[in-house]
């Protein structure tokens, strides 16, 4: 069985991540950076942004920490109306994933509207529908054999508890009710460096 998670965590240094936050207008000292397609050419089909695998990255930056996590920023499967969060800067706060479910658990929920692209009938020649609103695009724990996403951002389960605890702790330390989440596109973790900036490490 092909692994759905890379053998290591994202290796880009803090200054690389910080450059992308700044390039996207994020000046907060506490923030999350999501990199869609971080492992695009080294996990799954080369040259393709796959679904159903942890080929993306989410990085926490704070005055006290810089930690990277294997993540998924796409829906697990293609199907009509499923949502993909568009690149941009979004706001998240503490909350429960599946709040109406007795098995719901502490995670991160929208603190403001987000913009998504919705799958149509899987016709590649049809432009996706763009929607902005409150759609429950959470950041939560993924699965071991699936990324467990209908549009949410998910963290590989072995890393979830550390991710949730660390981000909660850093939000508490900063007195932050919400945290900015900047989502950017990459190609194999090597092509989101802003013009004029240099990268000092390989993925």
Protein backbone atom coordinates (compact mmCIF):
# COMPACT_ATOMS: atom_id res chain seq x y z
CA UNK A 1 0.00 0.00 0.00
CA UNK A 2 1.35 3.44 -0.93
CA UNK A 3 1.84 5.71 2.07
CA UNK A 4 -0.44 8.75 2.27
CA UNK A 5 2.01 10.68 4.46
CA UNK A 6 5.63 11.70 3.78
CA UNK A 7 8.40 9.99 5.78
CA UNK A 8 9.40 13.29 7.42
CA UNK A 9 7.93 16.62 8.41
CA UNK A 10 8.35 19.73 6.23
CA UNK A 11 11.93 20.99 6.48
CA UNK A 12 11.75 24.59 5.29
CA UNK A 13 13.23 27.05 7.83
CA UNK A 14 11.35 29.66 9.78
CA UNK A 15 12.53 32.58 7.64
CA UNK A 16 11.14 30.86 4.53
CA UNK A 17 7.73 30.57 6.18
CA UNK A 18 7.91 34.11 7.52
CA UNK A 19 8.56 35.45 4.00
CA UNK A 20 5.27 33.96 2.81
CA UNK A 21 3.30 35.40 5.68
CA UNK A 22 4.72 38.85 4.97
CA UNK A 23 4.14 38.44 1.23
CA UNK A 24 0.48 37.73 2.02
CA UNK A 25 0.08 40.73 4.30
CA UNK A 26 0.24 38.86 7.62
CA UNK A 27 2.05 40.98 10.20
CA UNK A 28 0.85 39.15 13.31
CA UNK A 29 3.59 37.49 15.36
CA UNK A 30 1.34 34.44 15.84
CA UNK A 31 0.08 32.79 12.66
CA UNK A 32 -0.40 29.58 10.71
CA UNK A 33 0.95 29.05 7.19
CA UNK A 34 -0.57 26.36 4.97
CA UNK A 35 1.36 25.28 1.87
CA UNK A 36 -0.76 23.37 -0.63
CA UNK A 37 1.34 20.97 -2.71
CA UNK A 38 4.41 21.13 -0.48
CA UNK A 39 5.21 17.52 -1.47
CA UNK A 40 3.51 17.73 -4.87
CA UNK A 41 6.37 16.14 -6.81
CA UNK A 42 7.58 13.71 -4.14
CA UNK A 43 4.31 12.15 -2.92
CA UNK A 44 1.48 10.92 -5.11
CA UNK A 45 1.44 11.69 -8.84
CA UNK A 46 4.34 14.02 -9.80
CA UNK A 47 3.15 17.39 -11.06
CA UNK A 48 -0.35 16.94 -9.64
CA UNK A 49 -2.02 18.29 -6.54
CA UNK A 50 -3.42 14.99 -5.28
CA UNK A 51 -6.40 14.47 -3.05
CA UNK A 52 -6.58 11.96 -0.25
CA UNK A 53 -2.93 12.25 0.86
CA UNK A 54 -0.98 14.46 3.24
CA UNK A 55 1.09 16.17 0.56
CA UNK A 56 0.63 19.64 2.06
CA UNK A 57 2.12 21.41 5.09
CA UNK A 58 0.90 23.60 7.93
CA UNK A 59 3.41 25.60 9.96
CA UNK A 60 2.95 27.40 13.27
CA UNK A 61 4.93 30.59 13.80
CA UNK A 62 4.93 32.41 17.12
CA UNK A 63 7.45 34.40 19.16
CA UNK A 64 8.14 31.19 21.10
CA UNK A 65 7.85 28.41 18.52
CA UNK A 66 8.21 27.33 14.92
CA UNK A 67 6.85 23.84 14.24
CA UNK A 68 5.89 22.14 10.98
CA UNK A 69 3.22 19.49 10.44
CA UNK A 70 2.19 17.10 7.67
CA UNK A 71 -1.22 18.26 6.52
CA UNK A 72 -3.93 18.15 3.90
CA UNK A 73 -5.60 21.27 2.49
CA UNK A 74 -7.93 19.60 -0.05
CA UNK A 75 -11.13 17.57 0.14
CA UNK A 76 -10.39 13.85 0.27
CA UNK A 77 -12.34 13.04 -2.90
CA UNK A 78 -13.84 14.81 -5.89
CA UNK A 79 -17.61 14.99 -5.88
CA UNK A 80 -20.25 17.55 -6.82
CA UNK A 81 -20.40 20.59 -4.51
CA UNK A 82 -17.45 19.59 -2.31
CA UNK A 83 -15.45 22.66 -1.27
CA UNK A 84 -11.76 23.50 -1.65
CA UNK A 85 -10.49 26.42 0.42
CA UNK A 86 -8.93 29.01 -1.86
CA UNK A 87 -5.50 30.55 -1.21
CA UNK A 88 -5.78 33.63 0.97
CA UNK A 89 -5.63 34.74 4.58
CA UNK A 90 -8.39 33.35 6.78
CA UNK A 91 -9.20 33.65 10.48
CA UNK A 92 -9.64 30.71 12.85
CA UNK A 93 -10.55 30.35 16.51
CA UNK A 94 -10.82 27.58 19.06
CA UNK A 95 -13.95 25.48 18.71
CA UNK A 96 -15.27 21.97 18.44
CA UNK A 97 -15.18 19.95 15.25
CA UNK A 98 -18.62 18.42 14.67
CA UNK A 99 -20.06 20.47 17.51
CA UNK A 100 -23.45 18.69 17.36
CA UNK A 101 -21.78 15.25 17.51
CA UNK A 102 -21.20 13.69 20.98
CA UNK A 103 -17.82 12.65 19.61
CA UNK A 104 -16.93 16.20 18.60
CA UNK A 105 -13.56 17.36 19.89
CA UNK A 106 -11.55 20.59 20.37
CA UNK A 107 -10.21 21.86 17.06
CA UNK A 108 -10.27 25.12 15.07
CA UNK A 109 -13.30 26.66 13.41
CA UNK A 110 -13.90 29.65 11.18
CA UNK A 111 -13.71 33.03 12.91
CA UNK A 112 -14.75 34.81 9.71
CA UNK A 113 -16.12 33.90 6.27
CA UNK A 114 -13.87 31.98 3.88
CA UNK A 115 -13.90 31.61 0.10
CA UNK A 116 -14.06 28.18 -1.51
CA UNK A 117 -14.23 26.65 -4.97
CA UNK A 118 -16.87 23.94 -5.32
CA UNK A 119 -16.51 20.85 -7.49
CA UNK A 120 -19.08 20.60 -10.26
CA UNK A 121 -19.92 17.30 -11.96
CA UNK A 122 -16.18 16.58 -12.32
CA UNK A 123 -16.15 18.08 -15.81
CA UNK A 124 -12.64 19.59 -16.16
CA UNK A 125 -13.92 22.07 -18.74
CA UNK A 126 -16.40 23.65 -16.33
CA UNK A 127 -15.23 26.45 -14.06
CA UNK A 128 -15.82 25.74 -10.36
CA UNK A 129 -18.42 27.72 -8.45
CA UNK A 130 -16.87 30.27 -6.07
CA UNK A 131 -18.63 30.77 -2.72
CA UNK A 132 -17.85 32.95 0.28
CA UNK A 133 -19.42 32.31 3.66
CA UNK A 134 -19.59 30.22 6.81
CA UNK A 135 -19.20 26.64 5.57
CA UNK A 136 -17.63 24.83 8.52
CA UNK A 137 -14.21 24.69 6.88
CA UNK A 138 -12.44 23.62 10.06
CA UNK A 139 -8.88 22.64 10.91
CA UNK A 140 -9.06 19.22 12.52
CA UNK A 141 -7.57 15.73 12.86
CA UNK A 142 -7.31 13.59 9.75
CA UNK A 143 -7.36 9.82 9.50
CA UNK A 144 -4.73 7.11 9.11
CA UNK A 145 -6.07 5.78 5.81
CA UNK A 146 -7.89 8.89 4.59
CA UNK A 147 -7.42 12.62 5.06
CA UNK A 148 -11.01 12.81 6.38
CA UNK A 149 -11.89 16.05 4.64
CA UNK A 150 -14.95 17.46 2.91
CA UNK A 151 -13.09 20.74 2.52
CA UNK A 152 -11.49 21.10 5.94
CA UNK A 153 -7.77 21.42 6.58
CA UNK A 154 -6.56 18.27 8.31
CA UNK A 155 -3.43 17.25 10.24
CA UNK A 156 -1.96 13.74 10.15
CA UNK A 157 -3.44 12.04 13.26
CA UNK A 158 -0.10 11.16 14.89
CA UNK A 159 0.69 14.89 14.93
CA UNK A 160 -2.75 16.26 15.74
CA UNK A 161 -2.63 16.31 19.55
CA UNK A 162 0.69 18.16 19.54
CA UNK A 163 -0.58 20.62 16.91
CA UNK A 164 -3.83 21.39 18.73
CA UNK A 165 -2.17 21.69 22.15
CA UNK A 166 0.64 23.91 20.88
CA UNK A 167 -1.58 26.29 18.92
CA UNK A 168 -4.04 26.55 21.82
CA UNK A 169 -1.15 27.25 24.21
CA UNK A 170 0.36 29.92 21.96
CA UNK A 171 -3.04 31.58 21.51
CA UNK A 172 -3.49 31.60 25.30
CA UNK A 173 -0.02 33.03 25.80
CA UNK A 174 -0.72 35.81 23.31
CA UNK A 175 -4.25 36.42 24.58
CA UNK A 176 -5.47 35.81 21.02
CA UNK A 177 -9.11 34.96 20.36
CA UNK A 178 -8.32 34.11 16.71
CA UNK A 179 -5.28 33.19 14.65
CA UNK A 180 -4.61 34.11 10.99
CA UNK A 181 -4.16 31.20 8.60
CA UNK A 182 -2.46 32.03 5.30
CA UNK A 183 -2.91 29.36 2.63
CA UNK A 184 -0.52 29.50 -0.34
CA UNK A 185 0.16 27.29 -3.36
CA UNK A 186 3.45 25.49 -3.96
CA UNK A 187 5.02 23.13 -6.46
CA UNK A 188 6.95 20.44 -4.63
CA UNK A 189 7.69 22.86 -1.80
CA UNK A 190 9.97 24.92 -3.98
CA UNK A 191 8.00 27.54 -5.84
CA UNK A 192 6.24 29.80 -3.36
CA UNK A 193 9.26 31.97 -2.60
CA UNK A 194 8.24 35.59 -3.25
CA UNK A 195 10.06 37.52 -5.99
CA UNK A 196 13.38 38.85 -4.73
CA UNK A 197 13.52 36.44 -1.79
CA UNK A 198 15.87 33.51 -1.48
CA UNK A 199 15.29 30.08 -0.02
CA UNK A 200 18.00 28.46 2.06
CA UNK A 201 16.76 24.89 2.33
CA UNK A 202 15.19 22.17 0.26
CA UNK A 203 12.05 20.25 1.13
